[in-house]
Amino acid sequence: MYRFFIILFLFFCSWSHPIYGASHRIYEVIRGRVHFSSNAPQELIKASSTSLSGILDVDKRIFVFKIGSRSFNGFNSPLQREHFNENYLESHLFPESTFSGKIIESVDLKKDGVYKVRAKGKLTIHGVAQERIIYVLIRRSAGIIKAEADFTVNLKAHDIKVPRIVSEKLAQEIEVEVQVELHPQQP
């Protein structure tokens, strides 16, 4: 699976090369933040990461984003972070989560403006891919694209098992917030 995303990334990168006549149609993440929270009856858990990477082809409206599972910080204790990586996400087996797909709406992301769109694709967490439609607010200004999205992740849908002993401390639906800034890829 990892090899697939590397090949896809290199393929996207080749489109932006001048010999293909496609200047500035590939945008890459310059800054990104993913924040999640679990609001369970007995505990509130929050963590975030600024290690989001990805690319967006504004002509074809296709994208690939990924984030390393071990890049999340916060939590209520170091032990909680360890359990997140070892017991729930099993980061040694599934080192990253990805979202790849296409923007459904036919919007011209080469023009400045504010766009409310749906991103349809495969969200892969814990090695389990789920088809998702995520609502995204995109702002394009002066050649820079900023996007934000809020959505939930169901742990069972991604085969993340929560032991009964901690079921009151970990929500089954995790709230996720994403903010990303993309710039034209440099040739």
C-alpha atoms as a PDB file:
ATOM      1  CA  MET A   1       0.000   0.000   0.000  1.00  0.00           C
ATOM      2  CA  TYR A   2       2.822   2.401   0.906  1.00  0.00           C
ATOM      3  CA  ARG A   3       4.480   1.708  -2.464  1.00  0.00           C
ATOM      4  CA  PHE A   4       1.206   2.603  -4.226  1.00  0.00           C
ATOM      5  CA  PHE A   5       1.164   6.071  -2.609  1.00  0.00           C
ATOM      6  CA  ILE A   6       4.828   6.683  -3.454  1.00  0.00           C
ATOM      7  CA  ILE A   7       4.184   5.800  -7.111  1.00  0.00           C
ATOM      8  CA  LEU A   8       1.041   7.950  -7.144  1.00  0.00           C
ATOM      9  CA  PHE A   9       2.974  10.844  -5.566  1.00  0.00           C
ATOM     10  CA  LEU A  10       5.780  10.582  -8.142  1.00  0.00           C
ATOM     11  CA  PHE A  11       3.210  10.410 -10.933  1.00  0.00           C
ATOM     12  CA  PHE A  12       1.565  13.625  -9.674  1.00  0.00           C
ATOM     13  CA  CYS A  13       4.958  15.288  -9.353  1.00  0.00           C
ATOM     14  CA  SER A  14       5.806  14.480 -12.969  1.00  0.00           C
ATOM     15  CA  TRP A  15       2.672  16.342 -14.156  1.00  0.00           C
ATOM     16  CA  SER A  16       3.988  19.622 -12.807  1.00  0.00           C
ATOM     17  CA  HIS A  17       7.188  19.423 -14.835  1.00  0.00           C
ATOM     18  CA  PRO A  18       7.360  22.133 -17.561  1.00  0.00           C
ATOM     19  CA  ILE A  19       7.730  19.613 -20.386  1.00  0.00           C
ATOM     20  CA  TYR A  20       4.156  18.555 -19.719  1.00  0.00           C
ATOM     21  CA  GLY A  21       2.946  22.172 -19.965  1.00  0.00           C
ATOM     22  CA  ALA A  22       1.268  22.059 -16.587  1.00  0.00           C
ATOM     23  CA  SER A  23       2.669  24.932 -14.588  1.00  0.00           C
ATOM     24  CA  HIS A  24       1.249  25.306 -11.087  1.00  0.00           C
ATOM     25  CA  ARG A  25      -1.474  22.721 -11.304  1.00  0.00           C
ATOM     26  CA  ILE A  26       0.025  20.567  -8.570  1.00  0.00           C
ATOM     27  CA  TYR A  27      -0.143  22.017  -5.066  1.00  0.00           C
ATOM     28  CA  GLU A  28       1.690  20.559  -2.090  1.00  0.00           C
ATOM     29  CA  VAL A  29       1.125  20.860   1.630  1.00  0.00           C
ATOM     30  CA  ILE A  30       3.334  23.517   3.189  1.00  0.00           C
ATOM     31  CA  ARG A  31       1.585  23.547   6.566  1.00  0.00           C
ATOM     32  CA  GLY A  32      -0.950  21.128   7.913  1.00  0.00           C
ATOM     33  CA  ARG A  33      -2.465  20.253  11.253  1.00  0.00           C
ATOM     34  CA  VAL A  34      -4.609  17.308  12.253  1.00  0.00           C
ATOM     35  CA  HIS A  35      -6.276  17.424  15.660  1.00  0.00           C
ATOM     36  CA  PHE A  36      -8.426  14.722  17.183  1.00  0.00           C
ATOM     37  CA  SER A  37     -10.416  14.392  20.365  1.00  0.00           C
ATOM     38  CA  SER A  38     -12.151  11.577  22.136  1.00  0.00           C
ATOM     39  CA  ASN A  39     -14.884  12.815  24.440  1.00  0.00           C
ATOM     40  CA  ALA A  40     -15.857   9.763  26.480  1.00  0.00           C
ATOM     41  CA  PRO A  41     -17.950   9.712  29.681  1.00  0.00           C
ATOM     42  CA  GLN A  42     -14.897   9.441  31.965  1.00  0.00           C
ATOM     43  CA  GLU A  43     -12.146  11.157  29.997  1.00  0.00           C
ATOM     44  CA  LEU A  44     -11.399  13.753  27.332  1.00  0.00           C
ATOM     45  CA  ILE A  45      -8.372  12.891  25.185  1.00  0.00           C
ATOM     46  CA  LYS A  46      -6.859  15.344  22.704  1.00  0.00           C
ATOM     47  CA  ALA A  47      -3.842  15.103  20.422  1.00  0.00           C
ATOM     48  CA  SER A  48      -2.566  16.793  17.288  1.00  0.00           C
ATOM     49  CA  SER A  49       0.122  16.619  14.646  1.00  0.00           C
ATOM     50  CA  THR A  50       1.660  19.103  12.233  1.00  0.00           C
ATOM     51  CA  SER A  51       3.237  16.356  10.103  1.00  0.00           C
ATOM     52  CA  LEU A  52       0.518  16.250   7.455  1.00  0.00           C
ATOM     53  CA  SER A  53       1.830  15.945   3.897  1.00  0.00           C
ATOM     54  CA  GLY A  54       0.074  15.680   0.565  1.00  0.00           C
ATOM     55  CA  ILE A  55      -0.625  16.980  -2.901  1.00  0.00           C
ATOM     56  CA  LEU A  56      -3.602  18.292  -4.863  1.00  0.00           C
ATOM     57  CA  ASP A  57      -3.980  18.469  -8.635  1.00  0.00           C
ATOM     58  CA  VAL A  58      -6.234  21.526  -9.112  1.00  0.00           C
ATOM     59  CA  ASP A  59      -7.129  20.638 -12.727  1.00  0.00           C
ATOM     60  CA  LYS A  60      -8.202  17.067 -12.088  1.00  0.00           C
ATOM     61  CA  ARG A  61      -9.316  17.829  -8.493  1.00  0.00           C
ATOM     62  CA  ILE A  62      -7.567  14.697  -7.191  1.00  0.00           C
ATOM     63  CA  PHE A  63      -5.570  14.512  -3.964  1.00  0.00           C
ATOM     64  CA  VAL A  64      -3.480  12.333  -1.663  1.00  0.00           C
ATOM     65  CA  PHE A  65      -2.805  13.214   1.988  1.00  0.00           C
ATOM     66  CA  LYS A  66      -0.961  11.232   4.644  1.00  0.00           C
ATOM     67  CA  ILE A  67       0.079  11.564   8.258  1.00  0.00           C
ATOM     68  CA  GLY A  68       2.372   9.464  10.417  1.00  0.00           C
ATOM     69  CA  SER A  69       0.632   7.691  13.269  1.00  0.00           C
ATOM     70  CA  ARG A  70       3.503   8.354  15.684  1.00  0.00           C
ATOM     71  CA  SER A  71       3.539  12.083  14.926  1.00  0.00           C
ATOM     72  CA  PHE A  72       0.629  12.877  17.273  1.00  0.00           C
ATOM     73  CA  ASN A  73       1.384  14.702  20.514  1.00  0.00           C
ATOM     74  CA  GLY A  74      -0.747  15.903  23.368  1.00  0.00           C
ATOM     75  CA  PHE A  75      -2.677  13.216  25.188  1.00  0.00           C
ATOM     76  CA  ASN A  76      -3.139  13.303  28.963  1.00  0.00           C
ATOM     77  CA  SER A  77       0.044  11.369  29.721  1.00  0.00           C
ATOM     78  CA  PRO A  78       2.996   9.675  27.996  1.00  0.00           C
ATOM     79  CA  LEU A  79       1.411   6.313  28.842  1.00  0.00           C
ATOM     80  CA  GLN A  80      -1.753   7.313  26.970  1.00  0.00           C
ATOM     81  CA  ARG A  81       0.338   8.177  23.892  1.00  0.00           C
ATOM     82  CA  GLU A  82       2.068   4.807  24.155  1.00  0.00           C
ATOM     83  CA  HIS A  83      -1.291   2.985  24.310  1.00  0.00           C
ATOM     84  CA  PHE A  84      -2.506   5.001  21.297  1.00  0.00           C
ATOM     85  CA  ASN A  85       0.481   3.851  19.218  1.00  0.00           C
ATOM     86  CA  GLU A  86       0.928   0.305  20.519  1.00  0.00           C
ATOM     87  CA  ASN A  87      -2.568  -0.929  21.371  1.00  0.00           C
ATOM     88  CA  TYR A  88      -5.008   1.035  19.217  1.00  0.00           C
ATOM     89  CA  LEU A  89      -3.370   2.244  15.994  1.00  0.00           C
ATOM     90  CA  GLU A  90      -0.631  -0.399  16.130  1.00  0.00           C
ATOM     91  CA  SER A  91       1.752   2.125  14.583  1.00  0.00           C
ATOM     92  CA  HIS A  92       4.489  -0.481  14.117  1.00  0.00           C
ATOM     93  CA  LEU A  93       2.175  -2.309  11.673  1.00  0.00           C
ATOM     94  CA  PHE A  94       0.308   0.715  10.267  1.00  0.00           C
ATOM     95  CA  PRO A  95       2.734   3.666  10.379  1.00  0.00           C
ATOM     96  CA  GLU A  96       0.499   6.145   8.563  1.00  0.00           C
ATOM     97  CA  SER A  97      -3.065   7.088   7.757  1.00  0.00           C
ATOM     98  CA  THR A  98      -4.086   8.358   4.316  1.00  0.00           C
ATOM     99  CA  PHE A  99      -6.942   9.997   2.486  1.00  0.00           C
ATOM    100  CA  SER A 100      -6.925   9.911  -1.318  1.00  0.00           C
ATOM    101  CA  GLY A 101      -9.622  10.668  -3.826  1.00  0.00           C
ATOM    102  CA  LYS A 102     -11.328  13.428  -5.784  1.00  0.00           C
ATOM    103  CA  ILE A 103     -13.231  16.642  -5.152  1.00  0.00           C
ATOM    104  CA  ILE A 104     -16.759  15.943  -6.391  1.00  0.00           C
ATOM    105  CA  GLU A 105     -17.810  19.495  -7.281  1.00  0.00           C
ATOM    106  CA  SER A 106     -16.629  20.958 -10.564  1.00  0.00           C
ATOM    107  CA  VAL A 107     -14.876  24.034  -9.138  1.00  0.00           C
ATOM    108  CA  ASP A 108     -11.988  25.955 -10.682  1.00  0.00           C
ATOM    109  CA  LEU A 109      -9.380  25.947  -7.926  1.00  0.00           C
ATOM    110  CA  LYS A 110      -7.084  28.082 -10.090  1.00  0.00           C
ATOM    111  CA  LYS A 111      -9.328  31.070  -9.346  1.00  0.00           C
ATOM    112  CA  ASP A 112      -9.459  32.943  -6.048  1.00  0.00           C
ATOM    113  CA  GLY A 113     -12.590  32.307  -4.050  1.00  0.00           C
ATOM    114  CA  VAL A 114     -14.270  30.364  -1.275  1.00  0.00           C
ATOM    115  CA  TYR A 115     -15.564  26.913  -2.143  1.00  0.00           C
ATOM    116  CA  LYS A 116     -17.634  24.430  -0.131  1.00  0.00           C
ATOM    117  CA  VAL A 117     -16.889  21.026  -1.629  1.00  0.00           C
ATOM    118  CA  ARG A 118     -17.158  17.329  -0.961  1.00  0.00           C
ATOM    119  CA  ALA A 119     -13.989  15.253  -1.043  1.00  0.00           C
ATOM    120  CA  LYS A 120     -14.770  11.629  -1.900  1.00  0.00           C
ATOM    121  CA  GLY A 121     -12.149   8.973  -1.418  1.00  0.00           C
ATOM    122  CA  LYS A 122     -10.620   6.245   0.663  1.00  0.00           C
ATOM    123  CA  LEU A 123      -9.756   7.061   4.264  1.00  0.00           C
ATOM    124  CA  THR A 124      -7.275   4.467   5.465  1.00  0.00           C
ATOM    125  CA  ILE A 125      -6.631   4.204   9.193  1.00  0.00           C
ATOM    126  CA  HIS A 126      -5.199   1.170  10.990  1.00  0.00           C
ATOM    127  CA  GLY A 127      -4.807  -0.505   7.590  1.00  0.00           C
ATOM    128  CA  VAL A 128      -8.549  -0.426   6.911  1.00  0.00           C
ATOM    129  CA  ALA A 129      -9.792   1.664   3.968  1.00  0.00           C
ATOM    130  CA  GLN A 130     -13.291   3.124   4.124  1.00  0.00           C
ATOM    131  CA  GLU A 131     -15.024   5.049   1.345  1.00  0.00           C
ATOM    132  CA  ARG A 132     -15.848   8.483   2.755  1.00  0.00           C
ATOM    133  CA  ILE A 133     -17.287  11.799   1.668  1.00  0.00           C
ATOM    134  CA  ILE A 134     -15.840  14.645   3.728  1.00  0.00           C
ATOM    135  CA  TYR A 135     -17.093  18.218   3.500  1.00  0.00           C
ATOM    136  CA  VAL A 136     -14.268  20.719   3.001  1.00  0.00           C
ATOM    137  CA  LEU A 137     -14.134  24.504   3.050  1.00  0.00           C
ATOM    138  CA  ILE A 138     -11.491  25.775   0.606  1.00  0.00           C
ATOM    139  CA  ARG A 139     -10.219  29.336   0.430  1.00  0.00           C
ATOM    140  CA  ARG A 140      -7.934  30.267  -2.459  1.00  0.00           C
ATOM    141  CA  SER A 141      -6.211  33.645  -2.426  1.00  0.00           C
ATOM    142  CA  ALA A 142      -3.037  34.950  -4.119  1.00  0.00           C
ATOM    143  CA  GLY A 143      -2.088  31.476  -5.353  1.00  0.00           C
ATOM    144  CA  ILE A 144      -2.365  29.824  -1.925  1.00  0.00           C
ATOM    145  CA  ILE A 145      -5.019  27.257  -1.063  1.00  0.00           C
ATOM    146  CA  LYS A 146      -6.213  26.842   2.527  1.00  0.00           C
ATOM    147  CA  ALA A 147      -8.650  24.100   3.415  1.00  0.00           C
ATOM    148  CA  GLU A 148     -10.349  22.901   6.564  1.00  0.00           C
ATOM    149  CA  ALA A 149     -12.562  19.968   7.405  1.00  0.00           C
ATOM    150  CA  ASP A 150     -14.249  18.456  10.458  1.00  0.00           C
ATOM    151  CA  PHE A 151     -15.405  14.845  10.494  1.00  0.00           C
ATOM    152  CA  THR A 152     -15.673  11.790  12.720  1.00  0.00           C
ATOM    153  CA  VAL A 153     -13.875   8.469  12.623  1.00  0.00           C
ATOM    154  CA  ASN A 154     -15.658   5.379  13.874  1.00  0.00           C
ATOM    155  CA  LEU A 155     -13.151   3.083  15.595  1.00  0.00           C
ATOM    156  CA  LYS A 156     -15.059  -0.109  14.752  1.00  0.00           C
ATOM    157  CA  ALA A 157     -15.140   0.828  11.050  1.00  0.00           C
ATOM    158  CA  HIS A 158     -11.330   0.794  11.071  1.00  0.00           C
ATOM    159  CA  ASP A 159     -11.040  -2.370  13.174  1.00  0.00           C
ATOM    160  CA  ILE A 160      -9.648  -0.498  16.199  1.00  0.00           C
ATOM    161  CA  LYS A 161     -10.562  -2.523  19.237  1.00  0.00           C
ATOM    162  CA  VAL A 162     -11.157  -0.884  22.614  1.00  0.00           C
ATOM    163  CA  PRO A 163     -10.934  -3.197  25.633  1.00  0.00           C
ATOM    164  CA  ARG A 164     -14.030  -3.192  27.837  1.00  0.00           C
ATOM    165  CA  ILE A 165     -11.985  -1.959  30.798  1.00  0.00           C
ATOM    166  CA  VAL A 166     -11.317   1.392  29.082  1.00  0.00           C
ATOM    167  CA  SER A 167     -14.569   1.691  27.102  1.00  0.00           C
ATOM    168  CA  GLU A 168     -15.763   4.561  29.341  1.00  0.00           C
ATOM    169  CA  LYS A 169     -12.483   6.421  28.763  1.00  0.00           C
ATOM    170  CA  LEU A 170     -12.329   6.198  24.965  1.00  0.00           C
ATOM    171  CA  ALA A 171     -15.138   7.295  22.637  1.00  0.00           C
ATOM    172  CA  GLN A 172     -16.142   5.053  19.727  1.00  0.00           C
ATOM    173  CA  GLU A 173     -16.508   8.148  17.512  1.00  0.00           C
ATOM    174  CA  ILE A 174     -13.389  10.319  17.321  1.00  0.00           C
ATOM    175  CA  GLU A 175     -13.763  13.967  16.292  1.00  0.00           C
ATOM    176  CA  VAL A 176     -11.138  15.069  13.736  1.00  0.00           C
ATOM    177  CA  GLU A 177     -10.253  18.598  12.594  1.00  0.00           C
ATOM    178  CA  VAL A 178      -7.901  19.249   9.675  1.00  0.00           C
ATOM    179  CA  GLN A 179      -6.385  22.539   8.519  1.00  0.00           C
ATOM    180  CA  VAL A 180      -4.037  22.602   5.554  1.00  0.00           C
ATOM    181  CA  GLU A 181      -2.188  25.200   3.493  1.00  0.00           C
ATOM    182  CA  LEU A 182      -1.068  24.259  -0.006  1.00  0.00           C
ATOM    183  CA  HIS A 183       1.287  26.128  -2.344  1.00  0.00           C
ATOM    184  CA  PRO A 184       2.089  25.525  -6.011  1.00  0.00           C
ATOM    185  CA  GLN A 185       4.721  22.838  -6.330  1.00  0.00           C
ATOM    186  CA  GLN A 186       8.042  24.232  -7.471  1.00  0.00           C
ATOM    187  CA  PRO A 187       9.467  22.634 -10.650  1.00  0.00           C
END
